[in-house]
Amino acid sequence: MIRSLVRLAAVKIAILAGMAALLIVASRRFGRLVEADRRRLLAAPRPSHPSLVTEEMLAGLPEPAQRYLRYAGVVGRPLVDTVRVRQRCRMRTAPNGMSFPLVAEQWYRVEPPGFIWDATVPIGCIPVVRGRDAYIEGRGLLTIKAGSLIPFVDATGPEMDQASLLRHLSEMAWFPSAFLRDRISWEAIDDSTVRVSITDGNLTATGTAEIDTEGRLVAFRAERHAMVGKAFELRPWTAPTYAYGEFEGLRLPVRGAAVWTLADGTELPYIEVELTDVEYDPPPPA
């Protein structure tokens, strides 16, 4: 009897070890896809531009935009070309549903605009879910795989292109000198609200930034394409800022969220993000 139990336990341990090894191998393959995306994102030569932000670059912008950029501290700081950030996040799929942790690394390119987001949901050291969200060469994509093997989200197409460019625009608050590039346009709404747009080829994404009296960006709002089943529909989308901190000599949002407003008016804060590291113009990964 004892021998049988020992053999059964050994079999279970072998099965679990084999499954863990399979998940690790699959995650490495997924990582190679991300690496290929990152190399493609960073491959283009960097355009020439002034090395530092000057007061003259802020002239002509709506007053709330100037207030925000001065609060961030961009004047006298470099105009960056590439960015790497690391994040701790919590995600949920329903307004009252349980949340689960993930960690992510994201790379951005300012000109032309683009990003690659590499996310992992770990249990211990085992990557049970991998996510890849990107905007590269004017195309957006979102892939989420269980165990890095079984896809349960695989989205591309015009709506994804638009949604991804809008995401890039909203996250430029982590590298605010990008708001001074030629492809960005501003329109004043009132003393605390400004409309900001980014154009990339035939695509334009637009959102509304809310700036408080000190110059902090407190929320970014837009209509964004959401996946509903296998289709897309436009829904209100908000990215609130919960806290500011300092990275690379600038005041940046370090805690925030992304929130869908559902068809019945319920709000779904589907991801909460904490910024743990920011590096401007880092050396490309080996």
Protein backbone atom coordinates (compact mmCIF):
# COMPACT_ATOMS: atom_id res chain seq x y z
CA MET A 1 0.00 0.00 0.00
CA ILE A 2 2.73 2.45 1.00
CA ARG A 3 4.74 1.59 -2.11
CA SER A 4 1.68 2.27 -4.28
CA LEU A 5 1.17 5.66 -2.65
CA VAL A 6 4.82 6.51 -3.12
CA ARG A 7 4.67 5.53 -6.80
CA LEU A 8 1.47 7.58 -7.26
CA ALA A 9 3.06 10.61 -5.61
CA ALA A 10 6.15 10.22 -7.79
CA VAL A 11 3.99 10.10 -10.92
CA LYS A 12 2.11 13.25 -9.87
CA ILE A 13 5.35 15.06 -9.15
CA ALA A 14 6.74 14.01 -12.53
CA ILE A 15 3.59 15.23 -14.29
CA LEU A 16 3.69 18.58 -12.49
CA ALA A 17 7.38 18.99 -13.22
CA GLY A 18 6.78 18.19 -16.87
CA MET A 19 3.94 20.72 -17.08
CA ALA A 20 6.10 23.38 -15.42
CA ALA A 21 8.94 22.67 -17.85
CA LEU A 22 6.52 22.90 -20.79
CA LEU A 23 5.23 26.29 -19.60
CA ILE A 24 8.75 27.62 -19.17
CA VAL A 25 9.81 26.46 -22.66
CA ALA A 26 6.63 27.92 -24.20
CA SER A 27 7.23 31.20 -22.36
CA ARG A 28 10.73 31.40 -23.82
CA ARG A 29 9.30 30.96 -27.32
CA PHE A 30 6.78 33.71 -26.60
CA GLY A 31 9.65 35.86 -25.38
CA ARG A 32 11.43 35.42 -28.71
CA LEU A 33 8.35 36.84 -30.48
CA VAL A 34 8.46 39.84 -28.17
CA GLU A 35 12.18 40.25 -28.80
CA ALA A 36 11.60 40.23 -32.57
CA ASP A 37 8.92 42.93 -32.14
CA ARG A 38 11.24 45.00 -29.97
CA ARG A 39 14.07 44.82 -32.49
CA ARG A 40 11.70 45.88 -35.26
CA LEU A 41 10.41 48.75 -33.10
CA LEU A 42 13.89 50.07 -32.38
CA ALA A 43 15.44 49.40 -35.79
CA ALA A 44 14.73 52.71 -37.53
CA PRO A 45 17.39 55.45 -37.28
CA ARG A 46 16.71 58.19 -34.78
CA PRO A 47 15.65 61.51 -36.34
CA SER A 48 17.64 64.66 -35.72
CA HIS A 49 16.17 67.15 -33.24
CA PRO A 50 17.29 69.65 -30.58
CA SER A 51 18.92 67.88 -27.67
CA LEU A 52 17.11 69.77 -24.90
CA VAL A 53 13.61 71.17 -24.34
CA THR A 54 13.51 74.98 -24.27
CA GLU A 55 10.95 77.49 -23.06
CA GLU A 56 10.41 78.53 -26.68
CA MET A 57 9.09 75.04 -27.48
CA LEU A 58 6.21 75.60 -25.05
CA ALA A 59 5.25 78.96 -26.56
CA GLY A 60 1.93 78.81 -28.39
CA LEU A 61 0.62 75.77 -26.54
CA PRO A 62 -2.66 76.12 -24.62
CA GLU A 63 -2.07 77.32 -21.07
CA PRO A 64 -3.12 74.00 -19.43
CA ALA A 65 -0.61 72.16 -21.65
CA GLN A 66 2.17 74.58 -20.70
CA ARG A 67 1.24 74.26 -17.02
CA TYR A 68 1.41 70.47 -17.26
CA LEU A 69 4.77 70.36 -19.08
CA ARG A 70 6.33 72.83 -16.66
CA TYR A 71 5.06 70.81 -13.70
CA ALA A 72 6.55 67.67 -15.25
CA GLY A 73 9.85 69.56 -15.49
CA VAL A 74 10.63 69.04 -19.17
CA VAL A 75 12.32 72.43 -19.75
CA GLY A 76 16.06 71.90 -19.80
CA ARG A 77 15.68 68.12 -20.03
CA PRO A 78 16.47 65.96 -23.08
CA LEU A 79 14.05 65.23 -25.90
CA VAL A 80 13.98 61.46 -25.65
CA ASP A 81 13.80 58.98 -28.54
CA THR A 82 13.26 55.62 -26.83
CA VAL A 83 11.94 54.59 -23.42
CA ARG A 84 11.84 51.45 -21.30
CA VAL A 85 9.47 51.15 -18.34
CA ARG A 86 8.75 48.36 -15.88
CA GLN A 87 5.39 47.95 -14.16
CA ARG A 88 3.59 46.05 -11.43
CA CYS A 89 -0.06 45.67 -12.30
CA ARG A 90 -3.33 44.13 -11.19
CA MET A 91 -6.00 43.14 -13.73
CA ARG A 92 -9.65 42.18 -13.48
CA THR A 93 -12.16 41.13 -16.13
CA ALA A 94 -15.40 42.14 -14.33
CA PRO A 95 -16.34 45.21 -12.23
CA ASN A 96 -16.67 43.16 -9.04
CA GLY A 97 -14.38 40.31 -10.08
CA MET A 98 -11.20 39.18 -8.41
CA SER A 99 -7.99 40.84 -9.53
CA PHE A 100 -4.73 39.07 -10.29
CA PRO A 101 -1.15 40.37 -10.42
CA LEU A 102 1.09 40.71 -13.44
CA VAL A 103 4.47 42.21 -14.18
CA ALA A 104 5.35 43.94 -17.42
CA GLU A 105 8.14 45.57 -19.36
CA GLN A 106 7.34 48.06 -22.10
CA TRP A 107 9.49 49.72 -24.75
CA TYR A 108 8.48 52.86 -26.65
CA ARG A 109 9.72 54.68 -29.69
CA VAL A 110 8.82 58.37 -30.05
CA GLU A 111 9.49 58.82 -33.79
CA PRO A 112 7.75 57.12 -35.43
CA PRO A 113 5.44 56.31 -32.51
CA GLY A 114 5.29 52.74 -31.31
CA PHE A 115 5.50 50.40 -28.34
CA ILE A 116 5.75 46.75 -27.33
CA TRP A 117 4.28 45.65 -23.97
CA ASP A 118 5.39 42.29 -22.60
CA ALA A 119 3.29 41.07 -19.65
CA THR A 120 3.48 37.95 -17.50
CA VAL A 121 1.04 36.51 -14.96
CA PRO A 122 3.24 34.34 -12.74
CA ILE A 123 2.48 31.68 -10.17
CA GLY A 124 5.73 31.40 -8.32
CA CYS A 125 8.35 31.25 -11.06
CA ILE A 126 5.94 29.69 -13.58
CA PRO A 127 4.53 32.05 -16.28
CA VAL A 128 0.91 30.89 -16.53
CA VAL A 129 -0.26 33.70 -18.87
CA ARG A 130 1.73 35.85 -21.32
CA GLY A 131 0.48 39.01 -22.99
CA ARG A 132 1.87 41.02 -25.91
CA ASP A 133 0.37 44.38 -26.85
CA ALA A 134 2.02 46.46 -29.55
CA TYR A 135 1.84 49.32 -32.02
CA ILE A 136 4.58 48.98 -34.63
CA GLU A 137 4.79 50.52 -38.11
CA GLY A 138 1.22 51.80 -37.86
CA ARG A 139 -0.31 48.46 -36.86
CA GLY A 140 -1.71 47.41 -33.50
CA LEU A 141 -1.95 43.91 -32.09
CA LEU A 142 -2.93 42.20 -28.87
CA THR A 143 -2.12 38.57 -28.07
CA ILE A 144 -2.82 36.86 -24.75
CA LYS A 145 -1.98 33.19 -24.29
CA ALA A 146 -2.61 30.80 -21.44
CA GLY A 147 0.63 29.03 -20.68
CA SER A 148 2.16 30.93 -23.61
CA LEU A 149 0.46 28.26 -25.77
CA ILE A 150 -3.31 28.65 -25.97
CA PRO A 151 -4.51 31.99 -27.38
CA PHE A 152 -7.66 33.45 -25.89
CA VAL A 153 -7.13 36.96 -27.30
CA ASP A 154 -5.64 37.55 -30.74
CA ALA A 155 -6.66 40.96 -32.08
CA THR A 156 -5.52 42.91 -35.13
CA GLY A 157 -7.18 45.17 -37.69
CA PRO A 158 -8.11 48.84 -38.17
CA GLU A 159 -9.87 49.16 -34.80
CA MET A 160 -6.86 47.69 -33.04
CA ASP A 161 -4.56 50.10 -34.91
CA GLN A 162 -6.62 53.04 -33.65
CA ALA A 163 -6.88 51.70 -30.09
CA SER A 164 -3.14 51.06 -29.91
CA LEU A 165 -2.18 54.52 -31.17
CA LEU A 166 -4.54 55.99 -28.55
CA ARG A 167 -2.84 53.92 -25.86
CA HIS A 168 0.54 55.27 -26.99
CA LEU A 169 -0.78 58.83 -26.78
CA SER A 170 -2.15 58.35 -23.25
CA GLU A 171 1.10 56.80 -22.00
CA MET A 172 3.30 59.62 -23.32
CA ALA A 173 2.83 61.10 -19.83
CA TRP A 174 5.73 58.76 -18.90
CA PHE A 175 7.97 60.54 -21.43
CA PRO A 176 6.33 63.99 -21.69
CA SER A 177 8.88 65.61 -23.99
CA ALA A 178 7.17 63.56 -26.74
CA PHE A 179 4.22 65.97 -26.48
CA LEU A 180 6.45 68.59 -28.15
CA ARG A 181 6.98 66.66 -31.38
CA ASP A 182 5.51 67.93 -34.66
CA ARG A 183 2.94 65.12 -34.94
CA ILE A 184 1.20 66.34 -31.75
CA SER A 185 -1.54 68.99 -31.87
CA TRP A 186 -3.31 70.75 -29.00
CA GLU A 187 -6.66 72.51 -28.64
CA ALA A 188 -7.74 74.41 -25.54
CA ILE A 189 -11.16 73.57 -24.10
CA ASP A 190 -11.09 75.52 -20.81
CA ASP A 191 -8.69 76.44 -18.00
CA SER A 192 -8.25 72.83 -16.89
CA THR A 193 -8.95 70.77 -20.00
CA VAL A 194 -7.12 70.42 -23.30
CA ARG A 195 -7.63 68.20 -26.33
CA VAL A 196 -4.48 66.49 -27.61
CA SER A 197 -4.04 64.49 -30.83
CA ILE A 198 -1.32 62.38 -32.40
CA THR A 199 -1.09 61.62 -36.12
CA ASP A 200 0.78 58.69 -37.63
CA GLY A 201 0.33 58.37 -41.37
CA ASN A 202 -3.41 58.09 -42.05
CA LEU A 203 -4.26 57.48 -38.38
CA THR A 204 -5.12 60.13 -35.81
CA ALA A 205 -5.94 59.44 -32.17
CA THR A 206 -7.42 62.12 -29.89
CA GLY A 207 -8.09 62.38 -26.18
CA THR A 208 -8.89 64.97 -23.54
CA ALA A 209 -6.38 65.71 -20.78
CA GLU A 210 -7.52 67.12 -17.43
CA ILE A 211 -4.86 69.28 -15.75
CA ASP A 212 -5.19 70.52 -12.16
CA THR A 213 -4.14 73.97 -10.94
CA GLU A 214 -0.62 72.77 -10.07
CA GLY A 215 -0.11 71.25 -13.51
CA ARG A 216 -0.67 67.58 -12.73
CA LEU A 217 -2.32 65.44 -15.38
CA VAL A 218 -5.17 63.91 -13.37
CA ALA A 219 -7.03 62.04 -16.12
CA PHE A 220 -6.97 61.26 -19.83
CA ARG A 221 -10.32 60.52 -21.49
CA ALA A 222 -11.26 59.28 -24.95
CA GLU A 223 -13.60 57.12 -26.98
CA ARG A 224 -11.66 53.91 -27.65
CA HIS A 225 -12.40 50.68 -29.51
CA ALA A 226 -13.10 47.85 -27.07
CA MET A 227 -13.20 44.16 -27.89
CA VAL A 228 -16.71 42.79 -27.32
CA GLY A 229 -16.74 39.13 -28.22
CA LYS A 230 -15.02 38.93 -31.59
CA ALA A 231 -15.99 42.46 -32.63
CA PHE A 232 -15.10 46.01 -31.59
CA GLU A 233 -17.25 48.88 -30.39
CA LEU A 234 -16.42 52.42 -29.28
CA ARG A 235 -16.70 52.96 -25.56
CA PRO A 236 -15.70 55.69 -23.11
CA TRP A 237 -12.22 55.01 -21.76
CA THR A 238 -10.40 56.82 -18.96
CA ALA A 239 -6.85 56.69 -17.64
CA PRO A 240 -6.85 58.35 -14.18
CA THR A 241 -3.65 59.21 -12.32
CA TYR A 242 -3.54 58.31 -8.61
CA ALA A 243 -0.03 59.43 -7.65
CA TYR A 244 3.05 61.20 -8.98
CA GLY A 245 6.71 60.39 -8.39
CA GLU A 246 10.11 61.18 -9.88
CA PHE A 247 12.02 59.27 -12.54
CA GLU A 248 14.77 60.56 -14.85
CA GLY A 249 14.58 63.96 -13.15
CA LEU A 250 10.92 64.46 -14.12
CA ARG A 251 7.61 64.35 -12.25
CA LEU A 252 5.70 61.45 -13.77
CA PRO A 253 2.50 59.54 -12.97
CA VAL A 254 3.60 56.47 -11.00
CA ARG A 255 0.22 54.95 -10.08
CA GLY A 256 -2.89 54.93 -12.20
CA ALA A 257 -5.43 52.79 -13.98
CA ALA A 258 -7.31 52.22 -17.23
CA VAL A 259 -11.09 52.16 -16.99
CA TRP A 260 -13.79 51.11 -19.46
CA THR A 261 -17.32 52.46 -19.12
CA LEU A 262 -19.56 49.51 -19.99
CA ALA A 263 -22.82 49.64 -21.94
CA ASP A 264 -24.89 49.84 -18.73
CA GLY A 265 -22.77 52.72 -17.38
CA THR A 266 -20.80 50.55 -14.95
CA GLU A 267 -17.10 51.35 -14.73
CA LEU A 268 -14.55 48.56 -15.10
CA PRO A 269 -11.04 49.48 -13.88
CA TYR A 270 -9.56 46.57 -15.78
CA ILE A 271 -5.93 47.33 -14.96
CA GLU A 272 -4.15 49.20 -12.17
CA VAL A 273 -0.53 50.11 -12.88
CA GLU A 274 2.40 51.01 -10.66
CA LEU A 275 5.51 52.27 -12.40
CA THR A 276 8.64 50.70 -10.89
CA ASP A 277 11.38 51.85 -13.29
CA VAL A 278 11.87 54.26 -16.20
CA GLU A 279 14.92 54.59 -18.44
CA TYR A 280 15.25 57.10 -21.28
CA ASP A 281 17.26 56.25 -24.38
CA PRO A 282 18.48 52.94 -22.93
CA PRO A 283 20.93 50.77 -24.82
CA PRO A 284 19.07 48.20 -26.96
CA PRO A 285 18.84 44.74 -25.38
CA ALA A 286 21.65 42.42 -26.41
